[in-house]
Amino acid sequence: MSMQINRYTDQSLLIIEPVGDMGLYNLGELRALLQKLRETQSLKVVIDMGKVPGIDSITIGFLLQETTLFTEAGGALKLAKISPSVRKSLTITETLSQMSVYEDLQSAKNSF
């Protein structure tokens, strides 16, 4: 089952909006998109998690890895509008503090 991924630019930022649960079975497209962004030096990215009800442990590892890759490339990957269940998953795995997470899109944009 594929996940819909909406994307749009806002000044120098790229906003990515996945729709649906994120898990091992559907991360390929998002992984490829993020890799392409790094290759083309589009390094200011916000993932709008507002339409992602849940994530699995594979996704948490993936988001952590991508956060590191963007930082190493001289950019930043930030998350906005995470659901209570996603926040709980990140808190339980003690990874919330390792990512840049914002309550809303505007806060994430302003942080750049």
PDB file of N, CA and C in Angstrom:
ATOM      1  N   MET A   1       0.844  -1.181   0.000  1.00  0.00           N
ATOM      2  CA  MET A   1       0.000   0.000   0.000  1.00  0.00           C
ATOM      3  C   MET A   1       0.891   1.247   0.000  1.00  0.00           C
ATOM      4  N   SER A   2       0.704   2.090  -0.979  1.00  0.00           N
ATOM      5  CA  SER A   2       1.568   3.259  -1.059  1.00  0.00           C
ATOM      6  C   SER A   2       1.000   4.408  -0.241  1.00  0.00           C
ATOM      7  N   MET A   3       1.873   5.309   0.091  1.00  0.00           N
ATOM      8  CA  MET A   3       1.506   6.477   0.873  1.00  0.00           C
ATOM      9  C   MET A   3       1.515   7.660  -0.083  1.00  0.00           C
ATOM     10  N   GLN A   4       0.506   8.476  -0.015  1.00  0.00           N
ATOM     11  CA  GLN A   4       0.483   9.681  -0.842  1.00  0.00           C
ATOM     12  C   GLN A   4       1.454  10.696  -0.243  1.00  0.00           C
ATOM     13  N   ILE A   5       2.217  11.347  -1.108  1.00  0.00           N
ATOM     14  CA  ILE A   5       3.145  12.364  -0.632  1.00  0.00           C
ATOM     15  C   ILE A   5       2.891  13.657  -1.404  1.00  0.00           C
ATOM     16  N   ASN A   6       2.365  14.646  -0.707  1.00  0.00           N
ATOM     17  CA  ASN A   6       2.169  15.958  -1.314  1.00  0.00           C
ATOM     18  C   ASN A   6       3.416  16.773  -1.029  1.00  0.00           C
ATOM     19  N   ARG A   7       3.748  17.686  -1.938  1.00  0.00           N
ATOM     20  CA  ARG A   7       4.899  18.551  -1.679  1.00  0.00           C
ATOM     21  C   ARG A   7       4.680  19.912  -2.311  1.00  0.00           C
ATOM     22  N   TYR A   8       5.188  20.908  -1.656  1.00  0.00           N
ATOM     23  CA  TYR A   8       5.122  22.256  -2.193  1.00  0.00           C
ATOM     24  C   TYR A   8       6.251  23.082  -1.601  1.00  0.00           C
ATOM     25  N   THR A   9       6.620  24.140  -2.318  1.00  0.00           N
ATOM     26  CA  THR A   9       7.701  24.992  -1.828  1.00  0.00           C
ATOM     27  C   THR A   9       7.116  26.248  -1.215  1.00  0.00           C
ATOM     28  N   ASP A  10       7.836  26.771  -0.256  1.00  0.00           N
ATOM     29  CA  ASP A  10       7.449  28.001   0.410  1.00  0.00           C
ATOM     30  C   ASP A  10       8.751  28.794   0.565  1.00  0.00           C
ATOM     31  N   GLN A  11       8.967  29.754  -0.298  1.00  0.00           N
ATOM     32  CA  GLN A  11      10.241  30.468  -0.385  1.00  0.00           C
ATOM     33  C   GLN A  11      11.350  29.442  -0.601  1.00  0.00           C
ATOM     34  N   SER A  12      12.341  29.375   0.275  1.00  0.00           N
ATOM     35  CA  SER A  12      13.446  28.441   0.034  1.00  0.00           C
ATOM     36  C   SER A  12      13.224  27.081   0.703  1.00  0.00           C
ATOM     37  N   LEU A  13      12.050  26.897   1.289  1.00  0.00           N
ATOM     38  CA  LEU A  13      11.761  25.636   1.978  1.00  0.00           C
ATOM     39  C   LEU A  13      10.954  24.692   1.103  1.00  0.00           C
ATOM     40  N   LEU A  14      11.145  23.404   1.335  1.00  0.00           N
ATOM     41  CA  LEU A  14      10.273  22.422   0.712  1.00  0.00           C
ATOM     42  C   LEU A  14       9.451  21.795   1.824  1.00  0.00           C
ATOM     43  N   ILE A  15       8.141  21.797   1.653  1.00  0.00           N
ATOM     44  CA  ILE A  15       7.245  21.172   2.619  1.00  0.00           C
ATOM     45  C   ILE A  15       6.799  19.841   2.020  1.00  0.00           C
ATOM     46  N   ILE A  16       7.004  18.777   2.764  1.00  0.00           N
ATOM     47  CA  ILE A  16       6.573  17.441   2.327  1.00  0.00           C
ATOM     48  C   ILE A  16       5.449  17.014   3.255  1.00  0.00           C
ATOM     49  N   GLU A  17       4.342  16.564   2.661  1.00  0.00           N
ATOM     50  CA  GLU A  17       3.185  16.162   3.465  1.00  0.00           C
ATOM     51  C   GLU A  17       2.780  14.722   3.120  1.00  0.00           C
ATOM     52  N   PRO A  18       3.285  13.757   3.911  1.00  0.00           N
ATOM     53  CA  PRO A  18       2.849  12.370   3.712  1.00  0.00           C
ATOM     54  C   PRO A  18       1.415  12.224   4.223  1.00  0.00           C
ATOM     55  N   VAL A  19       0.648  11.349   3.574  1.00  0.00           N
ATOM     56  CA  VAL A  19      -0.727  11.111   3.995  1.00  0.00           C
ATOM     57  C   VAL A  19      -0.894   9.620   4.278  1.00  0.00           C
ATOM     58  N   GLY A  20      -1.243   9.283   5.524  1.00  0.00           N
ATOM     59  CA  GLY A  20      -1.430   7.888   5.909  1.00  0.00           C
ATOM     60  C   GLY A  20      -0.358   7.421   6.884  1.00  0.00           C
ATOM     61  N   ASP A  21      -0.533   6.196   7.383  1.00  0.00           N
ATOM     62  CA  ASP A  21       0.456   5.633   8.296  1.00  0.00           C
ATOM     63  C   ASP A  21       1.790   5.477   7.576  1.00  0.00           C
ATOM     64  N   MET A  22       2.881   5.713   8.302  1.00  0.00           N
ATOM     65  CA  MET A  22       4.217   5.526   7.742  1.00  0.00           C
ATOM     66  C   MET A  22       4.813   4.271   8.342  1.00  0.00           C
ATOM     67  N   GLY A  23       5.332   3.409   7.469  1.00  0.00           N
ATOM     68  CA  GLY A  23       5.945   2.181   7.961  1.00  0.00           C
ATOM     69  C   GLY A  23       6.910   1.604   6.951  1.00  0.00           C
ATOM     70  N   LEU A  24       7.521   0.521   7.329  1.00  0.00           N
ATOM     71  CA  LEU A  24       8.510  -0.165   6.507  1.00  0.00           C
ATOM     72  C   LEU A  24       8.031  -0.352   5.073  1.00  0.00           C
ATOM     73  N   TYR A  25       6.774  -0.712   4.907  1.00  0.00           N
ATOM     74  CA  TYR A  25       6.235  -1.068   3.597  1.00  0.00           C
ATOM     75  C   TYR A  25       6.060   0.116   2.653  1.00  0.00           C
ATOM     76  N   ASN A  26       6.124   1.352   3.161  1.00  0.00           N
ATOM     77  CA  ASN A  26       5.885   2.472   2.251  1.00  0.00           C
ATOM     78  C   ASN A  26       6.879   3.622   2.374  1.00  0.00           C
ATOM     79  N   LEU A  27       8.055   3.365   2.916  1.00  0.00           N
ATOM     80  CA  LEU A  27       9.040   4.432   3.079  1.00  0.00           C
ATOM     81  C   LEU A  27       9.913   4.653   1.846  1.00  0.00           C
ATOM     82  N   GLY A  28       9.883   3.733   0.895  1.00  0.00           N
ATOM     83  CA  GLY A  28      10.764   3.808  -0.274  1.00  0.00           C
ATOM     84  C   GLY A  28      10.673   5.111  -1.036  1.00  0.00           C
ATOM     85  N   GLU A  29       9.462   5.544  -1.325  1.00  0.00           N
ATOM     86  CA  GLU A  29       9.269   6.762  -2.110  1.00  0.00           C
ATOM     87  C   GLU A  29       9.774   7.993  -1.364  1.00  0.00           C
ATOM     88  N   LEU A  30       9.480   8.050  -0.061  1.00  0.00           N
ATOM     89  CA  LEU A  30       9.929   9.181   0.749  1.00  0.00           C
ATOM     90  C   LEU A  30      11.456   9.185   0.866  1.00  0.00           C
ATOM     91  N   ARG A  31      12.037   8.005   1.043  1.00  0.00           N
ATOM     92  CA  ARG A  31      13.499   7.889   1.129  1.00  0.00           C
ATOM     93  C   ARG A  31      14.148   8.388  -0.164  1.00  0.00           C
ATOM     94  N   ALA A  32      13.596   7.967  -1.302  1.00  0.00           N
ATOM     95  CA  ALA A  32      14.133   8.380  -2.605  1.00  0.00           C
ATOM     96  C   ALA A  32      14.000   9.892  -2.794  1.00  0.00           C
ATOM     97  N   LEU A  33      12.870  10.447  -2.384  1.00  0.00           N
ATOM     98  CA  LEU A  33      12.640  11.888  -2.505  1.00  0.00           C
ATOM     99  C   LEU A  33      13.652  12.678  -1.670  1.00  0.00           C
ATOM    100  N   LEU A  34      13.851  12.270  -0.424  1.00  0.00           N
ATOM    101  CA  LEU A  34      14.784  12.971   0.465  1.00  0.00           C
ATOM    102  C   LEU A  34      16.226  12.863  -0.042  1.00  0.00           C
ATOM    103  N   GLN A  35      16.578  11.706  -0.583  1.00  0.00           N
ATOM    104  CA  GLN A  35      17.925  11.524  -1.132  1.00  0.00           C
ATOM    105  C   GLN A  35      18.132  12.467  -2.317  1.00  0.00           C
ATOM    106  N   LYS A  36      17.117  12.558  -3.178  1.00  0.00           N
ATOM    107  CA  LYS A  36      17.206  13.433  -4.350  1.00  0.00           C
ATOM    108  C   LYS A  36      17.340  14.896  -3.916  1.00  0.00           C
ATOM    109  N   LEU A  37      16.619  15.272  -2.870  1.00  0.00           N
ATOM    110  CA  LEU A  37      16.706  16.644  -2.369  1.00  0.00           C
ATOM    111  C   LEU A  37      18.120  16.962  -1.900  1.00  0.00           C
ATOM    112  N   ARG A  38      18.742  16.024  -1.190  1.00  0.00           N
ATOM    113  CA  ARG A  38      20.115  16.241  -0.729  1.00  0.00           C
ATOM    114  C   ARG A  38      21.066  16.358  -1.919  1.00  0.00           C
ATOM    115  N   GLU A  39      20.865  15.507  -2.916  1.00  0.00           N
ATOM    116  CA  GLU A  39      21.733  15.526  -4.092  1.00  0.00           C
ATOM    117  C   GLU A  39      21.624  16.837  -4.865  1.00  0.00           C
ATOM    118  N   THR A  40      20.439  17.442  -4.842  1.00  0.00           N
ATOM    119  CA  THR A  40      20.233  18.691  -5.584  1.00  0.00           C
ATOM    120  C   THR A  40      20.390  19.921  -4.684  1.00  0.00           C
ATOM    121  N   GLN A  41      20.933  19.689  -3.478  1.00  0.00           N
ATOM    122  CA  GLN A  41      21.193  20.765  -2.521  1.00  0.00           C
ATOM    123  C   GLN A  41      19.937  21.517  -2.068  1.00  0.00           C
ATOM    124  N   SER A  42      18.793  20.835  -2.114  1.00  0.00           N
ATOM    125  CA  SER A  42      17.566  21.406  -1.563  1.00  0.00           C
ATOM    126  C   SER A  42      17.512  20.906  -0.120  1.00  0.00           C
ATOM    127  N   LEU A  43      18.115  21.692   0.784  1.00  0.00           N
ATOM    128  CA  LEU A  43      18.437  21.165   2.107  1.00  0.00           C
ATOM    129  C   LEU A  43      17.584  21.709   3.247  1.00  0.00           C
ATOM    130  N   LYS A  44      16.573  22.503   2.939  1.00  0.00           N
ATOM    131  CA  LYS A  44      15.687  23.011   3.991  1.00  0.00           C
ATOM    132  C   LYS A  44      14.328  22.353   3.796  1.00  0.00           C
ATOM    133  N   VAL A  45      14.070  21.340   4.620  1.00  0.00           N
ATOM    134  CA  VAL A  45      12.876  20.524   4.430  1.00  0.00           C
ATOM    135  C   VAL A  45      12.079  20.402   5.726  1.00  0.00           C
ATOM    136  N   VAL A  46      10.762  20.566   5.587  1.00  0.00           N
ATOM    137  CA  VAL A  46       9.852  20.329   6.708  1.00  0.00           C
ATOM    138  C   VAL A  46       8.928  19.194   6.299  1.00  0.00           C
ATOM    139  N   ILE A  47       8.825  18.184   7.137  1.00  0.00           N
ATOM    140  CA  ILE A  47       7.839  17.129   6.897  1.00  0.00           C
ATOM    141  C   ILE A  47       6.620  17.457   7.750  1.00  0.00           C
ATOM    142  N   ASP A  48       5.524  17.763   7.078  1.00  0.00           N
ATOM    143  CA  ASP A  48       4.257  18.066   7.740  1.00  0.00           C
ATOM    144  C   ASP A  48       3.594  16.728   8.065  1.00  0.00           C
ATOM    145  N   MET A  49       3.619  16.368   9.353  1.00  0.00           N
ATOM    146  CA  MET A  49       3.126  15.060   9.791  1.00  0.00           C
ATOM    147  C   MET A  49       1.644  15.087  10.178  1.00  0.00           C
ATOM    148  N   GLY A  50       0.955  16.170   9.867  1.00  0.00           N
ATOM    149  CA  GLY A  50      -0.432  16.340  10.280  1.00  0.00           C
ATOM    150  C   GLY A  50      -1.402  15.268   9.797  1.00  0.00           C
ATOM    151  N   LYS A  51      -1.073  14.598   8.688  1.00  0.00           N
ATOM    152  CA  LYS A  51      -1.961  13.568   8.145  1.00  0.00           C
ATOM    153  C   LYS A  51      -1.374  12.176   8.281  1.00  0.00           C
ATOM    154  N   VAL A  52      -0.444  12.027   9.251  1.00  0.00           N
ATOM    155  CA  VAL A  52       0.172  10.725   9.527  1.00  0.00           C
ATOM    156  C   VAL A  52      -0.285  10.281  10.916  1.00  0.00           C
ATOM    157  N   PRO A  53      -1.280   9.384  10.972  1.00  0.00           N
ATOM    158  CA  PRO A  53      -1.795   8.968  12.282  1.00  0.00           C
ATOM    159  C   PRO A  53      -0.835   8.108  13.095  1.00  0.00           C
ATOM    160  N   GLY A  54       0.013   7.338  12.417  1.00  0.00           N
ATOM    161  CA  GLY A  54       0.909   6.462  13.165  1.00  0.00           C
ATOM    162  C   GLY A  54       2.183   6.135  12.408  1.00  0.00           C
ATOM    163  N   ILE A  55       3.228   5.775  13.163  1.00  0.00           N
ATOM    164  CA  ILE A  55       4.498   5.350  12.575  1.00  0.00           C
ATOM    165  C   ILE A  55       4.994   4.121  13.333  1.00  0.00           C
ATOM    166  N   ASP A  56       5.874   3.366  12.676  1.00  0.00           N
ATOM    167  CA  ASP A  56       6.453   2.198  13.346  1.00  0.00           C
ATOM    168  C   ASP A  56       7.915   2.484  13.707  1.00  0.00           C
ATOM    169  N   SER A  57       8.558   1.512  14.340  1.00  0.00           N
ATOM    170  CA  SER A  57       9.934   1.714  14.798  1.00  0.00           C
ATOM    171  C   SER A  57      10.897   1.900  13.627  1.00  0.00           C
ATOM    172  N   ILE A  58      10.616   1.274  12.505  1.00  0.00           N
ATOM    173  CA  ILE A  58      11.449   1.435  11.310  1.00  0.00           C
ATOM    174  C   ILE A  58      11.414   2.893  10.864  1.00  0.00           C
ATOM    175  N   THR A  59      10.226   3.491  10.898  1.00  0.00           N
ATOM    176  CA  THR A  59      10.061   4.886  10.484  1.00  0.00           C
ATOM    177  C   THR A  59      10.820   5.821  11.424  1.00  0.00           C
ATOM    178  N   ILE A  60      10.786   5.526  12.715  1.00  0.00           N
ATOM    179  CA  ILE A  60      11.510   6.354  13.686  1.00  0.00           C
ATOM    180  C   ILE A  60      13.000   6.332  13.363  1.00  0.00           C
ATOM    181  N   GLY A  61      13.538   5.156  13.108  1.00  0.00           N
ATOM    182  CA  GLY A  61      14.948   5.036  12.743  1.00  0.00           C
ATOM    183  C   GLY A  61      15.256   5.773  11.452  1.00  0.00           C
ATOM    184  N   PHE A  62      14.345   5.660  10.491  1.00  0.00           N
ATOM    185  CA  PHE A  62      14.493   6.332   9.206  1.00  0.00           C
ATOM    186  C   PHE A  62      14.525   7.854   9.386  1.00  0.00           C
ATOM    187  N   LEU A  63      13.589   8.394  10.181  1.00  0.00           N
ATOM    188  CA  LEU A  63      13.537   9.845  10.405  1.00  0.00           C
ATOM    189  C   LEU A  63      14.796  10.349  11.126  1.00  0.00           C
ATOM    190  N   LEU A  64      15.283   9.561  12.073  1.00  0.00           N
ATOM    191  CA  LEU A  64      16.519   9.918  12.776  1.00  0.00           C
ATOM    192  C   LEU A  64      17.700   9.955  11.806  1.00  0.00           C
ATOM    193  N   GLN A  65      17.786   8.930  10.975  1.00  0.00           N
ATOM    194  CA  GLN A  65      18.878   8.832  10.005  1.00  0.00           C
ATOM    195  C   GLN A  65      18.817  10.012   9.032  1.00  0.00           C
ATOM    196  N   GLU A  66      17.610  10.314   8.527  1.00  0.00           N
ATOM    197  CA  GLU A  66      17.462  11.420   7.576  1.00  0.00           C
ATOM    198  C   GLU A  66      17.804  12.764   8.227  1.00  0.00           C
ATOM    199  N   THR A  67      17.413  12.943   9.483  1.00  0.00           N
ATOM    200  CA  THR A  67      17.741  14.169  10.210  1.00  0.00           C
ATOM    201  C   THR A  67      19.261  14.353  10.235  1.00  0.00           C
ATOM    202  N   THR A  68      19.981  13.279  10.536  1.00  0.00           N
ATOM    203  CA  THR A  68      21.445  13.310  10.583  1.00  0.00           C
ATOM    204  C   THR A  68      22.039  13.592   9.210  1.00  0.00           C
ATOM    205  N   LEU A  69      21.515  12.932   8.171  1.00  0.00           N
ATOM    206  CA  LEU A  69      22.035  13.120   6.816  1.00  0.00           C
ATOM    207  C   LEU A  69      21.858  14.561   6.346  1.00  0.00           C
ATOM    208  N   PHE A  70      20.711  15.159   6.645  1.00  0.00           N
ATOM    209  CA  PHE A  70      20.481  16.548   6.250  1.00  0.00           C
ATOM    210  C   PHE A  70      21.408  17.495   7.014  1.00  0.00           C
ATOM    211  N   THR A  71      21.612  17.228   8.293  1.00  0.00           N
ATOM    212  CA  THR A  71      22.505  18.056   9.100  1.00  0.00           C
ATOM    213  C   THR A  71      23.932  17.962   8.562  1.00  0.00           C
ATOM    214  N   GLU A  72      24.379  16.738   8.252  1.00  0.00           N
ATOM    215  CA  GLU A  72      25.733  16.535   7.728  1.00  0.00           C
ATOM    216  C   GLU A  72      25.915  17.219   6.374  1.00  0.00           C
ATOM    217  N   ALA A  73      24.820  17.346   5.613  1.00  0.00           N
ATOM    218  CA  ALA A  73      24.880  17.976   4.287  1.00  0.00           C
ATOM    219  C   ALA A  73      24.812  19.506   4.391  1.00  0.00           C
ATOM    220  N   GLY A  74      24.667  20.005   5.629  1.00  0.00           N
ATOM    221  CA  GLY A  74      24.621  21.441   5.832  1.00  0.00           C
ATOM    222  C   GLY A  74      23.219  22.023   5.817  1.00  0.00           C
ATOM    223  N   GLY A  75      22.238  21.154   5.933  1.00  0.00           N
ATOM    224  CA  GLY A  75      20.850  21.609   5.918  1.00  0.00           C
ATOM    225  C   GLY A  75      20.120  21.212   7.181  1.00  0.00           C
ATOM    226  N   ALA A  76      18.809  21.088   7.052  1.00  0.00           N
ATOM    227  CA  ALA A  76      18.011  20.671   8.205  1.00  0.00           C
ATOM    228  C   ALA A  76      16.724  20.023   7.741  1.00  0.00           C
ATOM    229  N   LEU A  77      16.337  18.979   8.461  1.00  0.00           N
ATOM    230  CA  LEU A  77      15.063  18.298   8.239  1.00  0.00           C
ATOM    231  C   LEU A  77      14.278  18.457   9.527  1.00  0.00           C
ATOM    232  N   LYS A  78      13.093  19.031   9.433  1.00  0.00           N
ATOM    233  CA  LYS A  78      12.284  19.292  10.623  1.00  0.00           C
ATOM    234  C   LYS A  78      10.907  18.665  10.460  1.00  0.00           C
ATOM    235  N   LEU A  79      10.302  18.327  11.592  1.00  0.00           N
ATOM    236  CA  LEU A  79       8.958  17.745  11.590  1.00  0.00           C
ATOM    237  C   LEU A  79       7.980  18.750  12.178  1.00  0.00           C
ATOM    238  N   ALA A  80       6.779  18.782  11.631  1.00  0.00           N
ATOM    239  CA  ALA A  80       5.748  19.670  12.156  1.00  0.00           C
ATOM    240  C   ALA A  80       4.435  18.912  12.291  1.00  0.00           C
ATOM    241  N   LYS A  81       3.634  19.356  13.245  1.00  0.00           N
ATOM    242  CA  LYS A  81       2.266  18.845  13.428  1.00  0.00           C
ATOM    243  C   LYS A  81       2.180  17.328  13.641  1.00  0.00           C
ATOM    244  N   ILE A  82       3.037  16.797  14.518  1.00  0.00           N
ATOM    245  CA  ILE A  82       2.943  15.354  14.767  1.00  0.00           C
ATOM    246  C   ILE A  82       1.716  15.061  15.624  1.00  0.00           C
ATOM    247  N   SER A  83       1.101  13.931  15.343  1.00  0.00           N
ATOM    248  CA  SER A  83      -0.100  13.533  16.086  1.00  0.00           C
ATOM    249  C   SER A  83       0.282  13.060  17.480  1.00  0.00           C
ATOM    250  N   PRO A  84      -0.686  13.027  18.396  1.00  0.00           N
ATOM    251  CA  PRO A  84      -0.389  12.528  19.747  1.00  0.00           C
ATOM    252  C   PRO A  84       0.211  11.118  19.743  1.00  0.00           C
ATOM    253  N   SER A  85      -0.271  10.245  18.836  1.00  0.00           N
ATOM    254  CA  SER A  85       0.263   8.870  18.822  1.00  0.00           C
ATOM    255  C   SER A  85       1.701   8.832  18.304  1.00  0.00           C
ATOM    256  N   VAL A  86       2.007   9.689  17.324  1.00  0.00           N
ATOM    257  CA  VAL A  86       3.386   9.750  16.826  1.00  0.00           C
ATOM    258  C   VAL A  86       4.294  10.340  17.902  1.00  0.00           C
ATOM    259  N   ARG A  87       3.816  11.385  18.576  1.00  0.00           N
ATOM    260  CA  ARG A  87       4.593  11.987  19.670  1.00  0.00           C
ATOM    261  C   ARG A  87       4.881  10.935  20.747  1.00  0.00           C
ATOM    262  N   LYS A  88       3.884  10.120  21.057  1.00  0.00           N
ATOM    263  CA  LYS A  88       4.043   9.073  22.066  1.00  0.00           C
ATOM    264  C   LYS A  88       5.113   8.068  21.629  1.00  0.00           C
ATOM    265  N   SER A  89       5.066   7.665  20.340  1.00  0.00           N
ATOM    266  CA  SER A  89       6.066   6.728  19.817  1.00  0.00           C
ATOM    267  C   SER A  89       7.472   7.306  19.920  1.00  0.00           C
ATOM    268  N   LEU A  90       7.614   8.584  19.594  1.00  0.00           N
ATOM    269  CA  LEU A  90       8.928   9.225  19.651  1.00  0.00           C
ATOM    270  C   LEU A  90       9.394   9.410  21.090  1.00  0.00           C
ATOM    271  N   THR A  91       8.449   9.639  21.995  1.00  0.00           N
ATOM    272  CA  THR A  91       8.789   9.823  23.401  1.00  0.00           C
ATOM    273  C   THR A  91       9.213   8.495  24.029  1.00  0.00           C
ATOM    274  N   ILE A  92       8.453   7.438  23.759  1.00  0.00           N
ATOM    275  CA  ILE A  92       8.748   6.109  24.310  1.00  0.00           C
ATOM    276  C   ILE A  92      10.130   5.631  23.869  1.00  0.00           C
ATOM    277  N   THR A  93      10.476   5.897  22.591  1.00  0.00           N
ATOM    278  CA  THR A  93      11.767   5.447  22.066  1.00  0.00           C
ATOM    279  C   THR A  93      12.894   6.439  22.371  1.00  0.00           C
ATOM    280  N   GLU A  94      12.553   7.503  23.112  1.00  0.00           N
ATOM    281  CA  GLU A  94      13.528   8.514  23.521  1.00  0.00           C
ATOM    282  C   GLU A  94      14.225   9.164  22.326  1.00  0.00           C
ATOM    283  N   THR A  95      13.479   9.333  21.230  1.00  0.00           N
ATOM    284  CA  THR A  95      14.053   9.944  20.032  1.00  0.00           C
ATOM    285  C   THR A  95      13.483  11.338  19.772  1.00  0.00           C
ATOM    286  N   LEU A  96      12.455  11.724  20.505  1.00  0.00           N
ATOM    287  CA  LEU A  96      11.828  13.030  20.279  1.00  0.00           C
ATOM    288  C   LEU A  96      12.856  14.156  20.384  1.00  0.00           C
ATOM    289  N   SER A  97      13.738  14.075  21.394  1.00  0.00           N
ATOM    290  CA  SER A  97      14.719  15.139  21.627  1.00  0.00           C
ATOM    291  C   SER A  97      15.812  15.178  20.557  1.00  0.00           C
ATOM    292  N   GLN A  98      15.925  14.115  19.765  1.00  0.00           N
ATOM    293  CA  GLN A  98      16.965  14.053  18.736  1.00  0.00           C
ATOM    294  C   GLN A  98      16.505  14.620  17.398  1.00  0.00           C
ATOM    295  N   MET A  99      15.246  15.041  17.338  1.00  0.00           N
ATOM    296  CA  MET A  99      14.702  15.600  16.111  1.00  0.00           C
ATOM    297  C   MET A  99      14.168  16.995  16.375  1.00  0.00           C
ATOM    298  N   SER A 100      14.083  17.794  15.318  1.00  0.00           N
ATOM    299  CA  SER A 100      13.501  19.128  15.443  1.00  0.00           C
ATOM    300  C   SER A 100      12.009  19.005  15.160  1.00  0.00           C
ATOM    301  N   VAL A 101      11.211  19.101  16.219  1.00  0.00           N
ATOM    302  CA  VAL A 101       9.767  18.915  16.095  1.00  0.00           C
ATOM    303  C   VAL A 101       9.048  20.195  16.503  1.00  0.00           C
ATOM    304  N   TYR A 102       8.121  20.630  15.664  1.00  0.00           N
ATOM    305  CA  TYR A 102       7.384  21.871  15.911  1.00  0.00           C
ATOM    306  C   TYR A 102       5.891  21.613  15.931  1.00  0.00           C
ATOM    307  N   GLU A 103       5.181  22.399  16.753  1.00  0.00           N
ATOM    308  CA  GLU A 103       3.735  22.241  16.905  1.00  0.00           C
ATOM    309  C   GLU A 103       2.991  22.505  15.601  1.00  0.00           C
ATOM    310  N   ASP A 104       3.462  23.506  14.851  1.00  0.00           N
ATOM    311  CA  ASP A 104       2.762  23.865  13.618  1.00  0.00           C
ATOM    312  C   ASP A 104       3.766  24.220  12.530  1.00  0.00           C
ATOM    313  N   LEU A 105       3.266  24.321  11.318  1.00  0.00           N
ATOM    314  CA  LEU A 105       4.102  24.583  10.155  1.00  0.00           C
ATOM    315  C   LEU A 105       4.809  25.922  10.241  1.00  0.00           C
ATOM    316  N   GLN A 106       4.112  26.938  10.729  1.00  0.00           N
ATOM    317  CA  GLN A 106       4.701  28.270  10.798  1.00  0.00           C
ATOM    318  C   GLN A 106       5.909  28.301  11.729  1.00  0.00           C
ATOM    319  N   SER A 107       5.809  27.631  12.870  1.00  0.00           N
ATOM    320  CA  SER A 107       6.939  27.561  13.814  1.00  0.00           C
ATOM    321  C   SER A 107       8.135  26.880  13.164  1.00  0.00           C
ATOM    322  N   ALA A 108       7.867  25.793  12.415  1.00  0.00           N
ATOM    323  CA  ALA A 108       8.940  25.070  11.741  1.00  0.00           C
ATOM    324  C   ALA A 108       9.601  25.976  10.705  1.00  0.00           C
ATOM    325  N   LYS A 109       8.786  26.681   9.922  1.00  0.00           N
ATOM    326  CA  LYS A 109       9.323  27.600   8.894  1.00  0.00           C
ATOM    327  C   LYS A 109      10.164  28.691   9.534  1.00  0.00           C
ATOM    328  N   ASN A 110       9.663  29.247  10.621  1.00  0.00           N
ATOM    329  CA  ASN A 110      10.359  30.348  11.294  1.00  0.00           C
ATOM    330  C   ASN A 110      11.702  29.911  11.889  1.00  0.00           C
ATOM    331  N   SER A 111      11.869  28.620  12.113  1.00  0.00           N
ATOM    332  CA  SER A 111      13.077  28.126  12.771  1.00  0.00           C
ATOM    333  C   SER A 111      14.296  28.096  11.838  1.00  0.00           C
ATOM    334  N   PHE A 112      14.060  28.281  10.534  1.00  0.00           N
ATOM    335  CA  PHE A 112      15.182  28.255   9.584  1.00  0.00           C
ATOM    336  C   PHE A 112      15.930  29.572   9.547  1.00  0.00           C
TER     337      PHE A 112
END
